[in-house]
PDB file of N, CA and C in Angstrom:
ATOM      1  N   UNK A   1     251.733  54.786 106.247  1.00  0.00           N
ATOM      2  CA  UNK A   1     251.974  56.213 106.256  1.00  0.00           C
ATOM      3  C   UNK A   1     253.028  56.533 105.193  1.00  0.00           C
ATOM      4  N   UNK A   2     252.847  57.618 104.526  1.00  0.00           N
ATOM      5  CA  UNK A   2     253.852  58.070 103.582  1.00  0.00           C
ATOM      6  C   UNK A   2     253.992  59.567 103.702  1.00  0.00           C
ATOM      7  N   UNK A   3     255.094  60.054 103.293  1.00  0.00           N
ATOM      8  CA  UNK A   3     255.339  61.492 103.311  1.00  0.00           C
ATOM      9  C   UNK A   3     256.210  61.830 102.115  1.00  0.00           C
ATOM     10  N   UNK A   4     256.022  62.996 101.620  1.00  0.00           N
ATOM     11  CA  UNK A   4     256.810  63.410 100.469  1.00  0.00           C
ATOM     12  C   UNK A   4     257.852  64.436 100.881  1.00  0.00           C
ATOM     13  N   UNK A   5     258.964  64.367 100.218  1.00  0.00           N
ATOM     14  CA  UNK A   5     260.019  65.364 100.336  1.00  0.00           C
ATOM     15  C   UNK A   5     260.394  65.704  98.912  1.00  0.00           C
ATOM     16  N   UNK A   6     260.317  66.970  98.565  1.00  0.00           N
ATOM     17  CA  UNK A   6     260.530  67.367  97.173  1.00  0.00           C
ATOM     18  C   UNK A   6     261.664  68.382  97.063  1.00  0.00           C
ATOM     19  N   UNK A   7     262.869  67.922  96.781  1.00  0.00           N
ATOM     20  CA  UNK A   7     263.985  68.854  96.603  1.00  0.00           C
ATOM     21  C   UNK A   7     263.977  69.460  95.208  1.00  0.00           C
ATOM     22  N   UNK A   8     264.739  70.504  95.049  1.00  0.00           N
ATOM     23  CA  UNK A   8     264.979  71.076  93.733  1.00  0.00           C
ATOM     24  C   UNK A   8     266.029  70.191  93.084  1.00  0.00           C
ATOM     25  N   UNK A   9     265.629  69.355  92.143  1.00  0.00           N
ATOM     26  CA  UNK A   9     266.462  68.261  91.648  1.00  0.00           C
ATOM     27  C   UNK A   9     267.717  68.689  90.912  1.00  0.00           C
ATOM     28  N   UNK A  10     267.786  69.928  90.476  1.00  0.00           N
ATOM     29  CA  UNK A  10     268.991  70.355  89.770  1.00  0.00           C
ATOM     30  C   UNK A  10     270.066  70.823  90.746  1.00  0.00           C
ATOM     31  N   UNK A  11     269.746  70.858  92.033  1.00  0.00           N
ATOM     32  CA  UNK A  11     270.706  71.271  93.047  1.00  0.00           C
ATOM     33  C   UNK A  11     271.166  70.051  93.839  1.00  0.00           C
ATOM     34  N   UNK A  12     272.362  69.583  93.556  1.00  0.00           N
ATOM     35  CA  UNK A  12     272.859  68.375  94.202  1.00  0.00           C
ATOM     36  C   UNK A  12     272.861  68.494  95.720  1.00  0.00           C
ATOM     37  N   UNK A  13     273.180  69.667  96.242  1.00  0.00           N
ATOM     38  CA  UNK A  13     273.216  69.845  97.699  1.00  0.00           C
ATOM     39  C   UNK A  13     271.858  69.547  98.329  1.00  0.00           C
ATOM     40  N   UNK A  14     270.762  69.917  97.666  1.00  0.00           N
ATOM     41  CA  UNK A  14     269.428  69.627  98.198  1.00  0.00           C
ATOM     42  C   UNK A  14     269.143  68.137  98.171  1.00  0.00           C
ATOM     43  N   UNK A  15     269.544  67.480  97.110  1.00  0.00           N
ATOM     44  CA  UNK A  15     269.305  66.039  96.992  1.00  0.00           C
ATOM     45  C   UNK A  15     270.144  65.282  98.023  1.00  0.00           C
ATOM     46  N   UNK A  16     271.404  65.663  98.184  1.00  0.00           N
ATOM     47  CA  UNK A  16     272.294  65.000  99.136  1.00  0.00           C
ATOM     48  C   UNK A  16     271.801  65.210 100.572  1.00  0.00           C
ATOM     49  N   UNK A  17     271.120  66.308 100.836  1.00  0.00           N
ATOM     50  CA  UNK A  17     270.605  66.596 102.180  1.00  0.00           C
ATOM     51  C   UNK A  17     269.373  65.765 102.534  1.00  0.00           C
ATOM     52  N   UNK A  18     268.769  65.094 101.567  1.00  0.00           N
ATOM     53  CA  UNK A  18     267.533  64.354 101.820  1.00  0.00           C
ATOM     54  C   UNK A  18     267.618  63.362 102.974  1.00  0.00           C
ATOM     55  N   UNK A  19     268.657  62.520 103.065  1.00  0.00           N
ATOM     56  CA  UNK A  19     268.700  61.594 104.199  1.00  0.00           C
ATOM     57  C   UNK A  19     268.673  62.303 105.553  1.00  0.00           C
ATOM     58  N   UNK A  20     269.393  63.414 105.673  1.00  0.00           N
ATOM     59  CA  UNK A  20     269.390  64.162 106.935  1.00  0.00           C
ATOM     60  C   UNK A  20     268.015  64.744 107.215  1.00  0.00           C
ATOM     61  N   UNK A  21     267.347  65.222 106.181  1.00  0.00           N
ATOM     62  CA  UNK A  21     266.001  65.778 106.349  1.00  0.00           C
ATOM     63  C   UNK A  21     265.040  64.685 106.831  1.00  0.00           C
ATOM     64  N   UNK A  22     265.128  63.518 106.224  1.00  0.00           N
ATOM     65  CA  UNK A  22     264.234  62.413 106.599  1.00  0.00           C
ATOM     66  C   UNK A  22     264.464  62.006 108.047  1.00  0.00           C
ATOM     67  N   UNK A  23     265.724  61.834 108.443  1.00  0.00           N
ATOM     68  CA  UNK A  23     266.035  61.424 109.813  1.00  0.00           C
ATOM     69  C   UNK A  23     265.581  62.470 110.812  1.00  0.00           C
ATOM     70  N   UNK A  24     265.767  63.732 110.477  1.00  0.00           N
ATOM     71  CA  UNK A  24     265.370  64.803 111.394  1.00  0.00           C
ATOM     72  C   UNK A  24     263.850  64.896 111.499  1.00  0.00           C
ATOM     73  N   UNK A  25     263.157  64.808 110.376  1.00  0.00           N
ATOM     74  CA  UNK A  25     261.704  64.965 110.360  1.00  0.00           C
ATOM     75  C   UNK A  25     260.980  63.735 110.911  1.00  0.00           C
ATOM     76  N   UNK A  26     261.521  62.556 110.613  1.00  0.00           N
ATOM     77  CA  UNK A  26     260.883  61.309 111.049  1.00  0.00           C
ATOM     78  C   UNK A  26     261.931  60.410 111.693  1.00  0.00           C
ATOM     79  N   UNK A  27     262.263  60.654 112.975  1.00  0.00           N
ATOM     80  CA  UNK A  27     263.291  59.841 113.648  1.00  0.00           C
ATOM     81  C   UNK A  27     262.947  58.343 113.577  1.00  0.00           C
ATOM     82  N   UNK A  28     263.943  57.558 113.273  1.00  0.00           N
ATOM     83  CA  UNK A  28     263.750  56.119 113.178  1.00  0.00           C
ATOM     84  C   UNK A  28     263.200  55.648 111.842  1.00  0.00           C
ATOM     85  N   UNK A  29     262.863  56.585 110.985  1.00  0.00           N
ATOM     86  CA  UNK A  29     262.309  56.230 109.668  1.00  0.00           C
ATOM     87  C   UNK A  29     263.442  56.066 108.662  1.00  0.00           C
ATOM     88  N   UNK A  30     263.104  55.498 107.559  1.00  0.00           N
ATOM     89  CA  UNK A  30     264.070  55.336 106.486  1.00  0.00           C
ATOM     90  C   UNK A  30     263.369  55.534 105.160  1.00  0.00           C
ATOM     91  N   UNK A  31     263.970  55.042 104.124  1.00  0.00           N
ATOM     92  CA  UNK A  31     263.387  55.114 102.793  1.00  0.00           C
ATOM     93  C   UNK A  31     262.926  53.713 102.420  1.00  0.00           C
ATOM     94  N   UNK A  32     261.640  53.567 102.214  1.00  0.00           N
ATOM     95  CA  UNK A  32     261.090  52.281 101.791  1.00  0.00           C
ATOM     96  C   UNK A  32     260.814  52.270 100.298  1.00  0.00           C
ATOM     97  N   UNK A  33     260.414  53.405  99.770  1.00  0.00           N
ATOM     98  CA  UNK A  33     260.054  53.507  98.359  1.00  0.00           C
ATOM     99  C   UNK A  33     260.548  54.851  97.840  1.00  0.00           C
ATOM    100  N   UNK A  34     261.095  54.833  96.655  1.00  0.00           N
ATOM    101  CA  UNK A  34     261.479  56.073  95.977  1.00  0.00           C
ATOM    102  C   UNK A  34     260.675  56.148  94.696  1.00  0.00           C
ATOM    103  N   UNK A  35     259.919  57.203  94.550  1.00  0.00           N
ATOM    104  CA  UNK A  35     259.164  57.423  93.317  1.00  0.00           C
ATOM    105  C   UNK A  35     259.855  58.546  92.562  1.00  0.00           C
ATOM    106  N   UNK A  36     260.540  58.191  91.507  1.00  0.00           N
ATOM    107  CA  UNK A  36     261.196  59.187  90.661  1.00  0.00           C
ATOM    108  C   UNK A  36     260.174  59.670  89.646  1.00  0.00           C
ATOM    109  N   UNK A  37     259.451  60.699  90.029  1.00  0.00           N
ATOM    110  CA  UNK A  37     258.352  61.184  89.203  1.00  0.00           C
ATOM    111  C   UNK A  37     258.642  62.561  88.627  1.00  0.00           C
ATOM    112  N   UNK A  38     259.873  62.978  88.674  1.00  0.00           N
ATOM    113  CA  UNK A  38     260.214  64.280  88.117  1.00  0.00           C
ATOM    114  C   UNK A  38     260.375  64.147  86.612  1.00  0.00           C
ATOM    115  N   UNK A  39     259.922  65.105  85.931  1.00  0.00           N
ATOM    116  CA  UNK A  39     260.090  65.121  84.486  1.00  0.00           C
ATOM    117  C   UNK A  39     259.616  66.442  83.945  1.00  0.00           C
ATOM    118  N   UNK A  40     260.265  66.894  82.953  1.00  0.00           N
ATOM    119  CA  UNK A  40     259.852  68.161  82.355  1.00  0.00           C
ATOM    120  C   UNK A  40     260.126  68.133  80.861  1.00  0.00           C
ATOM    121  N   UNK A  41     259.433  68.945  80.172  1.00  0.00           N
ATOM    122  CA  UNK A  41     259.631  69.099  78.742  1.00  0.00           C
ATOM    123  C   UNK A  41     259.590  70.580  78.390  1.00  0.00           C
ATOM    124  N   UNK A  42     260.147  70.918  77.305  1.00  0.00           N
ATOM    125  CA  UNK A  42     260.152  72.304  76.849  1.00  0.00           C
ATOM    126  C   UNK A  42     259.695  72.334  75.398  1.00  0.00           C
ATOM    127  N   UNK A  43     258.909  73.337  75.061  1.00  0.00           N
ATOM    128  CA  UNK A  43     258.426  73.478  73.686  1.00  0.00           C
ATOM    129  C   UNK A  43     259.548  73.813  72.702  1.00  0.00           C
ATOM    130  N   UNK A  44     260.608  74.417  73.215  1.00  0.00           N
ATOM    131  CA  UNK A  44     261.705  74.826  72.323  1.00  0.00           C
ATOM    132  C   UNK A  44     262.896  73.875  72.436  1.00  0.00           C
ATOM    133  N   UNK A  45     262.617  72.558  72.549  1.00  0.00           N
ATOM    134  CA  UNK A  45     263.704  71.602  72.752  1.00  0.00           C
ATOM    135  C   UNK A  45     263.723  70.492  71.712  1.00  0.00           C
ATOM    136  N   UNK A  46     263.191  70.750  70.536  1.00  0.00           N
ATOM    137  CA  UNK A  46     263.215  69.713  69.504  1.00  0.00           C
ATOM    138  C   UNK A  46     264.651  69.482  69.049  1.00  0.00           C
ATOM    139  N   UNK A  47     264.913  68.315  68.507  1.00  0.00           N
ATOM    140  CA  UNK A  47     266.254  68.026  68.003  1.00  0.00           C
ATOM    141  C   UNK A  47     266.578  68.845  66.760  1.00  0.00           C
ATOM    142  N   UNK A  48     265.561  69.261  66.049  1.00  0.00           N
ATOM    143  CA  UNK A  48     265.752  70.012  64.813  1.00  0.00           C
ATOM    144  C   UNK A  48     266.276  71.426  65.075  1.00  0.00           C
ATOM    145  N   UNK A  49     265.609  72.124  65.964  1.00  0.00           N
ATOM    146  CA  UNK A  49     265.998  73.520  66.199  1.00  0.00           C
ATOM    147  C   UNK A  49     265.916  73.897  67.675  1.00  0.00           C
ATOM    148  N   UNK A  50     266.152  72.919  68.528  1.00  0.00           N
ATOM    149  CA  UNK A  50     266.008  73.128  69.961  1.00  0.00           C
ATOM    150  C   UNK A  50     267.079  74.010  70.567  1.00  0.00           C
ATOM    151  N   UNK A  51     266.726  74.540  71.693  1.00  0.00           N
ATOM    152  CA  UNK A  51     267.620  75.380  72.468  1.00  0.00           C
ATOM    153  C   UNK A  51     268.511  74.504  73.351  1.00  0.00           C
ATOM    154  N   UNK A  52     269.805  74.727  73.282  1.00  0.00           N
ATOM    155  CA  UNK A  52     270.735  73.966  74.126  1.00  0.00           C
ATOM    156  C   UNK A  52     270.424  74.193  75.597  1.00  0.00           C
ATOM    157  N   UNK A  53     270.074  75.398  75.957  1.00  0.00           N
ATOM    158  CA  UNK A  53     269.728  75.688  77.354  1.00  0.00           C
ATOM    159  C   UNK A  53     268.532  74.847  77.809  1.00  0.00           C
ATOM    160  N   UNK A  54     267.547  74.666  76.948  1.00  0.00           N
ATOM    161  CA  UNK A  54     266.395  73.832  77.286  1.00  0.00           C
ATOM    162  C   UNK A  54     266.795  72.370  77.430  1.00  0.00           C
ATOM    163  N   UNK A  55     267.683  71.901  76.562  1.00  0.00           N
ATOM    164  CA  UNK A  55     268.160  70.515  76.664  1.00  0.00           C
ATOM    165  C   UNK A  55     268.881  70.294  77.992  1.00  0.00           C
ATOM    166  N   UNK A  56     269.743  71.229  78.354  1.00  0.00           N
ATOM    167  CA  UNK A  56     270.503  71.114  79.605  1.00  0.00           C
ATOM    168  C   UNK A  56     269.537  71.089  80.795  1.00  0.00           C
ATOM    169  N   UNK A  57     268.544  71.954  80.767  1.00  0.00           N
ATOM    170  CA  UNK A  57     267.575  72.008  81.859  1.00  0.00           C
ATOM    171  C   UNK A  57     266.807  70.684  81.972  1.00  0.00           C
ATOM    172  N   UNK A  58     266.367  70.150  80.841  1.00  0.00           N
ATOM    173  CA  UNK A  58     265.613  68.898  80.862  1.00  0.00           C
ATOM    174  C   UNK A  58     266.490  67.727  81.309  1.00  0.00           C
ATOM    175  N   UNK A  59     267.710  67.642  80.799  1.00  0.00           N
ATOM    176  CA  UNK A  59     268.600  66.545  81.186  1.00  0.00           C
ATOM    177  C   UNK A  59     268.972  66.649  82.662  1.00  0.00           C
ATOM    178  N   UNK A  60     269.184  67.845  83.142  1.00  0.00           N
ATOM    179  CA  UNK A  60     269.521  68.040  84.552  1.00  0.00           C
ATOM    180  C   UNK A  60     268.412  67.524  85.457  1.00  0.00           C
ATOM    181  N   UNK A  61     267.181  67.746  85.070  1.00  0.00           N
ATOM    182  CA  UNK A  61     266.059  67.283  85.877  1.00  0.00           C
ATOM    183  C   UNK A  61     265.726  65.827  85.597  1.00  0.00           C
ATOM    184  N   UNK A  62     265.534  65.490  84.333  1.00  0.00           N
ATOM    185  CA  UNK A  62     265.003  64.173  83.962  1.00  0.00           C
ATOM    186  C   UNK A  62     265.998  63.039  84.116  1.00  0.00           C
ATOM    187  N   UNK A  63     267.284  63.330  84.007  1.00  0.00           N
ATOM    188  CA  UNK A  63     268.286  62.263  84.094  1.00  0.00           C
ATOM    189  C   UNK A  63     269.132  62.430  85.358  1.00  0.00           C
ATOM    190  N   UNK A  64     269.821  63.546  85.486  1.00  0.00           N
ATOM    191  CA  UNK A  64     270.705  63.717  86.636  1.00  0.00           C
ATOM    192  C   UNK A  64     269.943  63.758  87.956  1.00  0.00           C
ATOM    193  N   UNK A  65     268.802  64.410  87.974  1.00  0.00           N
ATOM    194  CA  UNK A  65     267.996  64.459  89.199  1.00  0.00           C
ATOM    195  C   UNK A  65     267.569  63.080  89.645  1.00  0.00           C
ATOM    196  N   UNK A  66     267.125  62.269  88.706  1.00  0.00           N
ATOM    197  CA  UNK A  66     266.722  60.894  89.012  1.00  0.00           C
ATOM    198  C   UNK A  66     267.922  60.093  89.522  1.00  0.00           C
ATOM    199  N   UNK A  67     269.059  60.222  88.871  1.00  0.00           N
ATOM    200  CA  UNK A  67     270.258  59.484  89.290  1.00  0.00           C
ATOM    201  C   UNK A  67     270.700  59.892  90.694  1.00  0.00           C
ATOM    202  N   UNK A  68     270.703  61.188  90.975  1.00  0.00           N
ATOM    203  CA  UNK A  68     271.133  61.638  92.304  1.00  0.00           C
ATOM    204  C   UNK A  68     270.169  61.158  93.387  1.00  0.00           C
ATOM    205  N   UNK A  69     268.863  61.249  93.146  1.00  0.00           N
ATOM    206  CA  UNK A  69     267.880  60.780  94.135  1.00  0.00           C
ATOM    207  C   UNK A  69     268.021  59.284  94.369  1.00  0.00           C
ATOM    208  N   UNK A  70     268.209  58.537  93.310  1.00  0.00           N
ATOM    209  CA  UNK A  70     268.360  57.086  93.430  1.00  0.00           C
ATOM    210  C   UNK A  70     269.619  56.743  94.217  1.00  0.00           C
ATOM    211  N   UNK A  71     270.708  57.428  93.931  1.00  0.00           N
ATOM    212  CA  UNK A  71     271.968  57.187  94.657  1.00  0.00           C
ATOM    213  C   UNK A  71     271.777  57.400  96.154  1.00  0.00           C
ATOM    214  N   UNK A  72     271.163  58.506  96.525  1.00  0.00           N
ATOM    215  CA  UNK A  72     270.978  58.815  97.949  1.00  0.00           C
ATOM    216  C   UNK A  72     270.028  57.821  98.613  1.00  0.00           C
ATOM    217  N   UNK A  73     268.955  57.454  97.918  1.00  0.00           N
ATOM    218  CA  UNK A  73     267.989  56.510  98.488  1.00  0.00           C
ATOM    219  C   UNK A  73     268.621  55.133  98.678  1.00  0.00           C
ATOM    220  N   UNK A  74     269.418  54.689  97.717  1.00  0.00           N
ATOM    221  CA  UNK A  74     270.076  53.383  97.836  1.00  0.00           C
ATOM    222  C   UNK A  74     270.996  53.365  99.051  1.00  0.00           C
ATOM    223  N   UNK A  75     271.727  54.424  99.265  1.00  0.00           N
ATOM    224  CA  UNK A  75     272.634  54.467 100.420  1.00  0.00           C
ATOM    225  C   UNK A  75     271.855  54.337 101.729  1.00  0.00           C
ATOM    226  N   UNK A  76     270.723  55.031 101.830  1.00  0.00           N
ATOM    227  CA  UNK A  76     269.887  54.937 103.035  1.00  0.00           C
ATOM    228  C   UNK A  76     269.331  53.524 103.186  1.00  0.00           C
ATOM    229  N   UNK A  77     268.871  52.936 102.096  1.00  0.00           N
ATOM    230  CA  UNK A  77     268.302  51.588 102.137  1.00  0.00           C
ATOM    231  C   UNK A  77     269.336  50.547 102.537  1.00  0.00           C
ATOM    232  N   UNK A  78     270.550  50.657 102.024  1.00  0.00           N
ATOM    233  CA  UNK A  78     271.603  49.699 102.353  1.00  0.00           C
ATOM    234  C   UNK A  78     271.948  49.784 103.842  1.00  0.00           C
ATOM    235  N   UNK A  79     272.086  50.985 104.367  1.00  0.00           N
ATOM    236  CA  UNK A  79     272.384  51.145 105.794  1.00  0.00           C
ATOM    237  C   UNK A  79     271.249  50.570 106.630  1.00  0.00           C
ATOM    238  N   UNK A  80     270.005  50.868 106.268  1.00  0.00           N
ATOM    239  CA  UNK A  80     268.855  50.343 107.009  1.00  0.00           C
ATOM    240  C   UNK A  80     268.837  48.824 106.974  1.00  0.00           C
ATOM    241  N   UNK A  81     269.094  48.242 105.820  1.00  0.00           N
ATOM    242  CA  UNK A  81     269.100  46.788 105.692  1.00  0.00           C
ATOM    243  C   UNK A  81     270.211  46.175 106.541  1.00  0.00           C
ATOM    244  N   UNK A  82     271.390  46.766 106.495  1.00  0.00           N
ATOM    245  CA  UNK A  82     272.506  46.248 107.289  1.00  0.00           C
ATOM    246  C   UNK A  82     272.199  46.341 108.778  1.00  0.00           C
ATOM    247  N   UNK A  83     271.590  47.426 109.216  1.00  0.00           N
ATOM    248  CA  UNK A  83     271.205  47.561 110.617  1.00  0.00           C
ATOM    249  C   UNK A  83     270.164  46.505 110.983  1.00  0.00           C
ATOM    250  N   UNK A  84     269.199  46.322 110.121  1.00  0.00           N
ATOM    251  CA  UNK A  84     268.133  45.353 110.365  1.00  0.00           C
ATOM    252  C   UNK A  84     268.696  43.932 110.465  1.00  0.00           C
ATOM    253  N   UNK A  85     269.676  43.610 109.647  1.00  0.00           N
ATOM    254  CA  UNK A  85     270.264  42.276 109.640  1.00  0.00           C
ATOM    255  C   UNK A  85     271.353  42.098 110.688  1.00  0.00           C
ATOM    256  N   UNK A  86     271.639  43.171 111.435  1.00  0.00           N
ATOM    257  CA  UNK A  86     272.660  43.094 112.472  1.00  0.00           C
ATOM    258  C   UNK A  86     274.075  43.116 111.932  1.00  0.00           C
ATOM    259  N   UNK A  87     274.235  43.593 110.722  1.00  0.00           N
ATOM    260  CA  UNK A  87     275.569  43.633 110.120  1.00  0.00           C
ATOM    261  C   UNK A  87     276.349  44.868 110.550  1.00  0.00           C
ATOM    262  N   UNK A  88     275.649  45.862 111.071  1.00  0.00           N
ATOM    263  CA  UNK A  88     276.263  47.107 111.544  1.00  0.00           C
ATOM    264  C   UNK A  88     275.657  47.411 112.899  1.00  0.00           C
ATOM    265  N   UNK A  89     276.492  47.868 113.782  1.00  0.00           N
ATOM    266  CA  UNK A  89     275.964  48.202 115.130  1.00  0.00           C
ATOM    267  C   UNK A  89     276.130  49.658 115.412  1.00  0.00           C
TER     268      UNK A  89
END
């Protein structure tokens, strides 16, 4: 079974809320796989004459969004692993 949760990646509060959303929606579940499939491009974002606003938007989604999702997923995975191994009660 799999389920998707899709936050607005440029909003850190939404990304940080993901573990709580997962626990509430699927009690006893955790994160087994994270697919960082967010990505965007803009036609007006070339290095030659690109818009700084477009660059910021793309970096916020393509880099920071991926980093924030990965950070939150790793924290959930580490806690789950420690619980599974009996390292935390």
